[in-house]
């Protein structure tokens, strides 16, 4: 009975984490000294959330059930498997006045693209809203079912 609530709740938690990571990326878009590597400061590296279905059975299992007309199972939501750093190269910006400039006057800047981050934020926001709508619809259906029993 509460399976739909649990599925929506896992999706809401995941989308909220995505929004938090995007906010962190945007806040550090100009940070040139984020981590120390071999005695040298490295710029902030863009972070990404990695998700996967919260299901231990492979997709082929569900496909075979559908083919044979067996009992169909529903998913168990989504889970975050990790937050990884984007391995794209840092941006090189010519600014000889910057304290982190190299001998040629170039500064390594974070690999954060504000446009990409805004798109990710919009996607996470829309997914969050869709899951809230699903959660409310499930709640209303359960309330109507309780009213029928009166």
Protein backbone atom coordinates (compact mmCIF):
# COMPACT_ATOMS: atom_id res chain seq x y z
CA UNK A 1 0.00 0.00 0.00
CA UNK A 2 2.85 2.41 0.79
CA UNK A 3 5.13 1.25 -2.02
CA UNK A 4 4.33 4.32 -4.12
CA UNK A 5 5.20 6.60 -1.21
CA UNK A 6 8.56 4.88 -0.71
CA UNK A 7 9.39 5.09 -4.41
CA UNK A 8 8.51 8.78 -4.57
CA UNK A 9 10.43 9.46 -1.37
CA UNK A 10 13.61 7.88 -2.77
CA UNK A 11 13.28 9.98 -5.93
CA UNK A 12 12.67 13.16 -3.90
CA UNK A 13 15.79 12.52 -1.82
CA UNK A 14 17.87 11.89 -4.94
CA UNK A 15 16.66 15.01 -6.73
CA UNK A 16 17.28 17.12 -3.64
CA UNK A 17 20.87 15.85 -3.52
CA UNK A 18 21.28 16.69 -7.23
CA UNK A 19 20.10 20.24 -6.51
CA UNK A 20 22.57 20.52 -3.60
CA UNK A 21 25.47 19.33 -5.76
CA UNK A 22 24.56 21.79 -8.54
CA UNK A 23 24.43 24.59 -5.95
CA UNK A 24 27.88 23.60 -4.72
CA UNK A 25 29.21 23.60 -8.29
CA UNK A 26 27.79 27.07 -8.95
CA UNK A 27 29.16 28.43 -5.68
CA UNK A 28 32.66 27.19 -6.56
CA UNK A 29 32.68 28.19 -10.24
CA UNK A 30 35.56 30.63 -9.60
CA UNK A 31 37.45 28.73 -6.87
CA UNK A 32 41.07 28.24 -7.96
CA UNK A 33 42.30 26.76 -4.66
CA UNK A 34 40.03 23.88 -3.73
CA UNK A 35 42.33 20.92 -3.07
CA UNK A 36 46.04 20.43 -2.47
CA UNK A 37 47.66 17.86 -4.79
CA UNK A 38 51.41 17.19 -4.51
CA UNK A 39 51.96 20.55 -2.81
CA UNK A 40 50.08 22.44 -5.54
CA UNK A 41 46.62 23.96 -5.30
CA UNK A 42 44.10 22.57 -7.78
CA UNK A 43 40.90 24.31 -8.88
CA UNK A 44 37.49 23.07 -7.84
CA UNK A 45 36.43 20.04 -9.87
CA UNK A 46 32.79 19.83 -10.93
CA UNK A 47 30.84 17.15 -9.04
CA UNK A 48 28.16 14.86 -10.46
CA UNK A 49 25.62 12.59 -8.77
CA UNK A 50 25.57 8.96 -9.91
CA UNK A 51 22.27 7.11 -9.48
CA UNK A 52 20.91 3.67 -10.24
CA UNK A 53 17.63 1.86 -9.76
CA UNK A 54 17.13 0.55 -6.26
CA UNK A 55 16.64 -2.97 -7.61
CA UNK A 56 18.87 -5.99 -7.42
CA UNK A 57 17.29 -7.91 -10.32
CA UNK A 58 18.56 -7.32 -13.86
CA UNK A 59 16.32 -5.81 -16.51
CA UNK A 60 16.15 -9.11 -18.41
CA UNK A 61 14.29 -10.61 -15.42
CA UNK A 62 11.46 -8.11 -15.84
CA UNK A 63 11.50 -8.53 -19.61
CA UNK A 64 11.10 -12.31 -19.29
CA UNK A 65 8.24 -11.83 -16.83
CA UNK A 66 6.48 -9.56 -19.29
CA UNK A 67 6.97 -12.03 -22.17
CA UNK A 68 5.66 -15.03 -20.27
CA UNK A 69 2.77 -13.16 -18.72
CA UNK A 70 4.10 -13.84 -15.26
CA UNK A 71 3.62 -11.62 -12.28
CA UNK A 72 5.05 -8.19 -13.04
CA UNK A 73 7.04 -6.45 -10.39
CA UNK A 74 7.35 -2.76 -9.91
CA UNK A 75 10.57 -0.91 -9.23
CA UNK A 76 11.81 0.07 -5.82
CA UNK A 77 12.81 3.64 -6.57
CA UNK A 78 16.26 5.05 -7.06
CA UNK A 79 19.41 5.32 -4.98
CA UNK A 80 22.55 7.41 -5.12
CA UNK A 81 25.65 5.31 -5.64
CA UNK A 82 28.13 8.15 -5.37
CA UNK A 83 29.24 11.66 -6.12
CA UNK A 84 32.10 11.75 -8.59
CA UNK A 85 34.32 14.49 -9.97
CA UNK A 86 34.03 15.47 -13.63
CA UNK A 87 37.36 14.61 -15.27
CA UNK A 88 37.16 17.17 -18.07
CA UNK A 89 40.23 19.42 -18.17
CA UNK A 90 40.32 22.70 -16.29
CA UNK A 91 39.82 25.93 -18.24
CA UNK A 92 42.93 27.95 -19.01
CA UNK A 93 42.30 31.70 -18.65
CA UNK A 94 44.90 34.34 -19.42
CA UNK A 95 45.15 36.63 -16.39
CA UNK A 96 48.77 37.48 -15.47
CA UNK A 97 47.58 39.59 -12.48
CA UNK A 98 45.93 36.63 -10.76
CA UNK A 99 47.89 35.24 -7.78
CA UNK A 100 47.54 31.67 -9.14
CA UNK A 101 48.83 32.51 -12.64
CA UNK A 102 51.66 30.39 -14.01
CA UNK A 103 54.82 31.71 -15.72
CA UNK A 104 52.95 32.35 -18.98
CA UNK A 105 50.16 34.24 -17.17
CA UNK A 106 47.50 31.51 -17.43
CA UNK A 107 45.27 30.50 -14.54
CA UNK A 108 43.60 27.11 -14.26
CA UNK A 109 39.91 27.70 -13.56
CA UNK A 110 37.32 25.12 -12.48
CA UNK A 111 35.66 22.96 -15.13
CA UNK A 112 32.21 24.27 -14.10
CA UNK A 113 30.01 25.51 -16.93
CA UNK A 114 27.22 27.71 -15.47
CA UNK A 115 24.92 26.96 -18.42
CA UNK A 116 25.26 23.20 -17.93
CA UNK A 117 24.68 23.63 -14.19
CA UNK A 118 21.49 25.63 -14.79
CA UNK A 119 20.20 22.93 -17.13
CA UNK A 120 20.98 20.26 -14.51
CA UNK A 121 19.24 22.38 -11.87
CA UNK A 122 16.15 22.80 -14.04
CA UNK A 123 16.07 19.06 -14.75
CA UNK A 124 16.36 18.19 -11.05
CA UNK A 125 13.72 20.76 -10.13
CA UNK A 126 11.25 19.42 -12.71
CA UNK A 127 11.87 15.85 -11.58
CA UNK A 128 11.35 16.89 -7.97
CA UNK A 129 8.06 18.60 -8.87
CA UNK A 130 6.89 15.55 -10.83
CA UNK A 131 7.60 13.30 -7.85
CA UNK A 132 5.73 15.63 -5.50
CA UNK A 133 2.76 15.46 -7.87
CA UNK A 134 2.97 11.65 -7.90
CA UNK A 135 3.16 11.56 -4.12
CA UNK A 136 0.10 13.80 -3.81
CA UNK A 137 -1.84 11.70 -6.32
CA UNK A 138 -1.04 8.54 -4.35
CA UNK A 139 -2.12 10.22 -1.14
CA UNK A 140 -5.40 11.35 -2.69
CA UNK A 141 -6.12 7.86 -4.06
CA UNK A 142 -5.59 6.32 -0.61
CA UNK A 143 -7.85 8.94 0.97
CA UNK A 144 -10.58 8.21 -1.59
CA UNK A 145 -10.22 4.48 -0.92
CA UNK A 146 -10.71 5.16 2.80
CA UNK A 147 -13.81 7.22 2.04
CA UNK A 148 -15.30 4.32 0.06
CA UNK A 149 -14.95 2.12 3.14
CA UNK A 150 -17.12 4.46 5.26
